[in-house]
Amino acid sequence: MRRFSIVIAAFAALSAVPAQAQVVVTEKVSTTMTPGSAPVDLPVSAGQASYVSLGGSVRDVVVGDPSIADVSVVNDRTLVVLGKRPGVTSLLAFGAGGRPLADRKVVVSENGGGGVTVYRGATASNYACAAQCTRLGQGAP
């Protein structure tokens, strides 16, 4: 945890984040979904895989941007997510009758780790982080 705090402090210093900026760090959390809950981050390294356990039998799987991550169905209750390139995309899984089973924000980084969102007033900048952070998208500087 100390090493991760040092990385965040170094990132903030190198990117000249104002003192009043707020930094939110995403970490790996449980991979099961509670119906009606907000999307849960799923950090994956590019070229690596992670699994998602579902609370029911999956019928349909949707990936927002297949150039960032790919999904394979292992069995009726397990998905494997493969990180392709740094970025953020969504993963949705549905069961019988269209019942939602998973709603994930997949954060793919170069070498592992999670994501960082830096807020400067109302402007948010998203980064996929590991040893180094990679800015995602084309938001305002």
C-alpha atoms as a PDB file:
ATOM      1  CA  MET A   1       0.000   0.000   0.000  1.00  0.00           C
ATOM      2  CA  ARG A   2       2.906   2.345   0.794  1.00  0.00           C
ATOM      3  CA  ARG A   3       4.417   1.752  -2.650  1.00  0.00           C
ATOM      4  CA  PHE A   4       1.064   2.529  -4.279  1.00  0.00           C
ATOM      5  CA  SER A   5       0.810   5.781  -2.262  1.00  0.00           C
ATOM      6  CA  ILE A   6       4.280   6.773  -3.444  1.00  0.00           C
ATOM      7  CA  VAL A   7       3.257   6.133  -7.074  1.00  0.00           C
ATOM      8  CA  ILE A   8       0.185   8.349  -6.664  1.00  0.00           C
ATOM      9  CA  ALA A   9       2.259  11.101  -5.003  1.00  0.00           C
ATOM     10  CA  ALA A  10       4.874  10.952  -7.788  1.00  0.00           C
ATOM     11  CA  PHE A  11       2.164  11.024 -10.444  1.00  0.00           C
ATOM     12  CA  ALA A  12       0.536  14.066  -8.846  1.00  0.00           C
ATOM     13  CA  ALA A  13       3.873  15.878  -8.595  1.00  0.00           C
ATOM     14  CA  LEU A  14       4.894  15.121 -12.179  1.00  0.00           C
ATOM     15  CA  SER A  15       1.557  16.110 -13.677  1.00  0.00           C
ATOM     16  CA  ALA A  16       1.427  19.391 -11.731  1.00  0.00           C
ATOM     17  CA  VAL A  17      -1.922  18.610 -10.084  1.00  0.00           C
ATOM     18  CA  PRO A  18      -3.116  21.613  -8.049  1.00  0.00           C
ATOM     19  CA  ALA A  19      -3.286  21.129  -4.275  1.00  0.00           C
ATOM     20  CA  GLN A  20      -7.098  21.257  -4.331  1.00  0.00           C
ATOM     21  CA  ALA A  21      -7.327  18.458  -6.930  1.00  0.00           C
ATOM     22  CA  GLN A  22      -9.038  15.287  -5.816  1.00  0.00           C
ATOM     23  CA  VAL A  23      -7.571  11.907  -6.783  1.00  0.00           C
ATOM     24  CA  VAL A  24      -9.761   8.785  -6.811  1.00  0.00           C
ATOM     25  CA  VAL A  25      -8.040   5.398  -7.061  1.00  0.00           C
ATOM     26  CA  THR A  26      -9.834   2.272  -8.226  1.00  0.00           C
ATOM     27  CA  GLU A  27      -8.788  -1.107  -6.857  1.00  0.00           C
ATOM     28  CA  LYS A  28      -9.824  -4.672  -7.619  1.00  0.00           C
ATOM     29  CA  VAL A  29     -13.046  -5.617  -5.846  1.00  0.00           C
ATOM     30  CA  SER A  30     -15.331  -8.629  -5.642  1.00  0.00           C
ATOM     31  CA  THR A  31     -16.375  -9.910  -9.050  1.00  0.00           C
ATOM     32  CA  THR A  32     -19.943 -10.822  -8.133  1.00  0.00           C
ATOM     33  CA  MET A  33     -22.737  -8.326  -8.803  1.00  0.00           C
ATOM     34  CA  THR A  34     -25.593  -7.195  -6.612  1.00  0.00           C
ATOM     35  CA  PRO A  35     -28.604  -6.406  -8.819  1.00  0.00           C
ATOM     36  CA  GLY A  36     -29.223  -2.666  -9.120  1.00  0.00           C
ATOM     37  CA  SER A  37     -25.691  -1.728  -8.044  1.00  0.00           C
ATOM     38  CA  ALA A  38     -23.395   0.711  -9.866  1.00  0.00           C
ATOM     39  CA  PRO A  39     -20.741  -0.621 -12.290  1.00  0.00           C
ATOM     40  CA  VAL A  40     -17.737  -2.125 -10.519  1.00  0.00           C
ATOM     41  CA  ASP A  41     -14.207  -1.583 -11.825  1.00  0.00           C
ATOM     42  CA  LEU A  42     -12.364  -4.623 -13.126  1.00  0.00           C
ATOM     43  CA  PRO A  43      -8.635  -3.872 -13.589  1.00  0.00           C
ATOM     44  CA  VAL A  44      -6.871  -6.039 -16.189  1.00  0.00           C
ATOM     45  CA  SER A  45      -3.372  -5.803 -17.650  1.00  0.00           C
ATOM     46  CA  ALA A  46      -2.942  -5.689 -21.425  1.00  0.00           C
ATOM     47  CA  GLY A  47      -2.193  -9.235 -22.550  1.00  0.00           C
ATOM     48  CA  GLN A  48      -3.493 -10.721 -19.278  1.00  0.00           C
ATOM     49  CA  ALA A  49      -6.826 -12.201 -18.220  1.00  0.00           C
ATOM     50  CA  SER A  50      -9.136 -11.966 -15.225  1.00  0.00           C
ATOM     51  CA  TYR A  51     -12.346 -13.808 -14.453  1.00  0.00           C
ATOM     52  CA  VAL A  52     -15.824 -12.688 -13.444  1.00  0.00           C
ATOM     53  CA  SER A  53     -18.088 -15.020 -11.451  1.00  0.00           C
ATOM     54  CA  LEU A  54     -21.785 -14.500 -12.128  1.00  0.00           C
ATOM     55  CA  GLY A  55     -24.779 -15.007  -9.850  1.00  0.00           C
ATOM     56  CA  GLY A  56     -26.746 -16.904 -12.502  1.00  0.00           C
ATOM     57  CA  SER A  57     -26.533 -18.549 -15.906  1.00  0.00           C
ATOM     58  CA  VAL A  58     -25.313 -16.158 -18.602  1.00  0.00           C
ATOM     59  CA  ARG A  59     -27.172 -15.856 -21.902  1.00  0.00           C
ATOM     60  CA  ASP A  60     -25.727 -12.707 -23.516  1.00  0.00           C
ATOM     61  CA  VAL A  61     -22.438 -10.819 -23.064  1.00  0.00           C
ATOM     62  CA  VAL A  62     -21.710  -7.316 -24.406  1.00  0.00           C
ATOM     63  CA  VAL A  63     -18.334  -5.526 -24.502  1.00  0.00           C
ATOM     64  CA  GLY A  64     -18.478  -1.793 -25.222  1.00  0.00           C
ATOM     65  CA  ASP A  65     -15.178  -1.573 -27.132  1.00  0.00           C
ATOM     66  CA  PRO A  66     -13.826  -4.960 -28.280  1.00  0.00           C
ATOM     67  CA  SER A  67     -10.501  -3.367 -29.264  1.00  0.00           C
ATOM     68  CA  ILE A  68      -9.803  -2.774 -25.525  1.00  0.00           C
ATOM     69  CA  ALA A  69     -11.000  -6.071 -24.015  1.00  0.00           C
ATOM     70  CA  ASP A  70     -12.391  -9.401 -25.128  1.00  0.00           C
ATOM     71  CA  VAL A  71     -14.609 -11.816 -23.177  1.00  0.00           C
ATOM     72  CA  SER A  72     -14.904 -15.600 -23.317  1.00  0.00           C
ATOM     73  CA  VAL A  73     -17.605 -17.656 -21.647  1.00  0.00           C
ATOM     74  CA  VAL A  74     -15.947 -20.475 -19.653  1.00  0.00           C
ATOM     75  CA  ASN A  75     -19.195 -21.960 -18.359  1.00  0.00           C
ATOM     76  CA  ASP A  76     -22.692 -20.687 -17.615  1.00  0.00           C
ATOM     77  CA  ARG A  77     -21.495 -18.718 -14.535  1.00  0.00           C
ATOM     78  CA  THR A  78     -17.903 -17.702 -15.379  1.00  0.00           C
ATOM     79  CA  LEU A  79     -16.474 -15.189 -17.860  1.00  0.00           C
ATOM     80  CA  VAL A  80     -12.813 -14.556 -18.689  1.00  0.00           C
ATOM     81  CA  VAL A  81     -11.864 -10.977 -19.613  1.00  0.00           C
ATOM     82  CA  LEU A  82      -8.714 -10.497 -21.724  1.00  0.00           C
ATOM     83  CA  GLY A  83      -7.086  -7.051 -21.774  1.00  0.00           C
ATOM     84  CA  LYS A  84      -6.043  -6.093 -25.307  1.00  0.00           C
ATOM     85  CA  ARG A  85      -4.810  -2.489 -25.072  1.00  0.00           C
ATOM     86  CA  PRO A  86      -4.916   0.329 -22.470  1.00  0.00           C
ATOM     87  CA  GLY A  87      -8.311   1.935 -22.141  1.00  0.00           C
ATOM     88  CA  VAL A  88     -11.663   1.749 -20.412  1.00  0.00           C
ATOM     89  CA  THR A  89     -14.721  -0.110 -21.678  1.00  0.00           C
ATOM     90  CA  SER A  90     -17.873  -1.662 -20.307  1.00  0.00           C
ATOM     91  CA  LEU A  91     -18.803  -5.301 -19.807  1.00  0.00           C
ATOM     92  CA  LEU A  92     -22.441  -6.326 -19.462  1.00  0.00           C
ATOM     93  CA  ALA A  93     -23.773  -9.856 -18.921  1.00  0.00           C
ATOM     94  CA  PHE A  94     -27.428 -10.891 -19.003  1.00  0.00           C
ATOM     95  CA  GLY A  95     -29.246 -14.050 -17.974  1.00  0.00           C
ATOM     96  CA  ALA A  96     -32.571 -15.547 -18.965  1.00  0.00           C
ATOM     97  CA  GLY A  97     -35.244 -12.960 -19.699  1.00  0.00           C
ATOM     98  CA  GLY A  98     -32.630 -10.189 -19.945  1.00  0.00           C
ATOM     99  CA  ARG A  99     -31.897 -10.205 -16.185  1.00  0.00           C
ATOM    100  CA  PRO A 100     -28.641  -8.249 -15.563  1.00  0.00           C
ATOM    101  CA  LEU A 101     -25.869 -10.403 -14.087  1.00  0.00           C
ATOM    102  CA  ALA A 102     -22.835  -8.124 -14.443  1.00  0.00           C
ATOM    103  CA  ASP A 103     -22.134  -4.448 -15.104  1.00  0.00           C
ATOM    104  CA  ARG A 104     -18.385  -3.773 -15.036  1.00  0.00           C
ATOM    105  CA  LYS A 105     -16.109  -0.947 -16.063  1.00  0.00           C
ATOM    106  CA  VAL A 106     -13.073  -2.784 -17.456  1.00  0.00           C
ATOM    107  CA  VAL A 107      -9.874  -0.749 -16.950  1.00  0.00           C
ATOM    108  CA  VAL A 108      -7.030  -2.129 -19.067  1.00  0.00           C
ATOM    109  CA  SER A 109      -3.559  -0.850 -18.212  1.00  0.00           C
ATOM    110  CA  GLU A 110      -0.113  -1.520 -19.709  1.00  0.00           C
ATOM    111  CA  ASN A 111       1.342  -3.644 -16.909  1.00  0.00           C
ATOM    112  CA  GLY A 112      -1.351  -4.245 -14.306  1.00  0.00           C
ATOM    113  CA  GLY A 113      -2.797  -2.117 -11.550  1.00  0.00           C
ATOM    114  CA  GLY A 114      -5.971  -0.109 -11.683  1.00  0.00           C
ATOM    115  CA  GLY A 115      -7.173   3.248 -12.773  1.00  0.00           C
ATOM    116  CA  VAL A 116      -6.863   6.783 -11.474  1.00  0.00           C
ATOM    117  CA  THR A 117      -9.294   9.618 -12.026  1.00  0.00           C
ATOM    118  CA  VAL A 118      -7.954  13.139 -11.421  1.00  0.00           C
ATOM    119  CA  TYR A 119     -10.589  15.817 -10.856  1.00  0.00           C
ATOM    120  CA  ARG A 120      -9.721  19.444 -11.555  1.00  0.00           C
ATOM    121  CA  GLY A 121     -12.888  21.298 -10.719  1.00  0.00           C
ATOM    122  CA  ALA A 122     -15.595  19.802 -12.953  1.00  0.00           C
ATOM    123  CA  THR A 123     -13.069  18.259 -15.380  1.00  0.00           C
ATOM    124  CA  ALA A 124     -12.136  14.603 -14.874  1.00  0.00           C
ATOM    125  CA  SER A 125      -9.100  12.942 -16.457  1.00  0.00           C
ATOM    126  CA  ASN A 126      -8.932   9.135 -16.454  1.00  0.00           C
ATOM    127  CA  TYR A 127      -5.708   7.146 -16.412  1.00  0.00           C
ATOM    128  CA  ALA A 128      -4.962   3.409 -16.606  1.00  0.00           C
ATOM    129  CA  CYS A 129      -2.080   2.886 -14.178  1.00  0.00           C
ATOM    130  CA  ALA A 130       0.591   0.380 -13.332  1.00  0.00           C
ATOM    131  CA  ALA A 131       4.278   1.297 -13.110  1.00  0.00           C
ATOM    132  CA  GLN A 132       3.333   4.293 -15.280  1.00  0.00           C
ATOM    133  CA  CYS A 133      -0.030   5.921 -15.896  1.00  0.00           C
ATOM    134  CA  THR A 134      -1.515   6.230 -19.381  1.00  0.00           C
ATOM    135  CA  ARG A 135      -4.088   8.960 -20.017  1.00  0.00           C
ATOM    136  CA  LEU A 136      -7.291   7.636 -21.539  1.00  0.00           C
ATOM    137  CA  GLY A 137      -9.417   9.546 -24.031  1.00  0.00           C
ATOM    138  CA  GLN A 138      -9.069  13.102 -25.248  1.00  0.00           C
ATOM    139  CA  GLY A 139     -10.403  15.164 -22.322  1.00  0.00           C
ATOM    140  CA  ALA A 140      -9.331  18.705 -21.496  1.00  0.00           C
ATOM    141  CA  PRO A 141      -5.788  18.992 -20.043  1.00  0.00           C
END
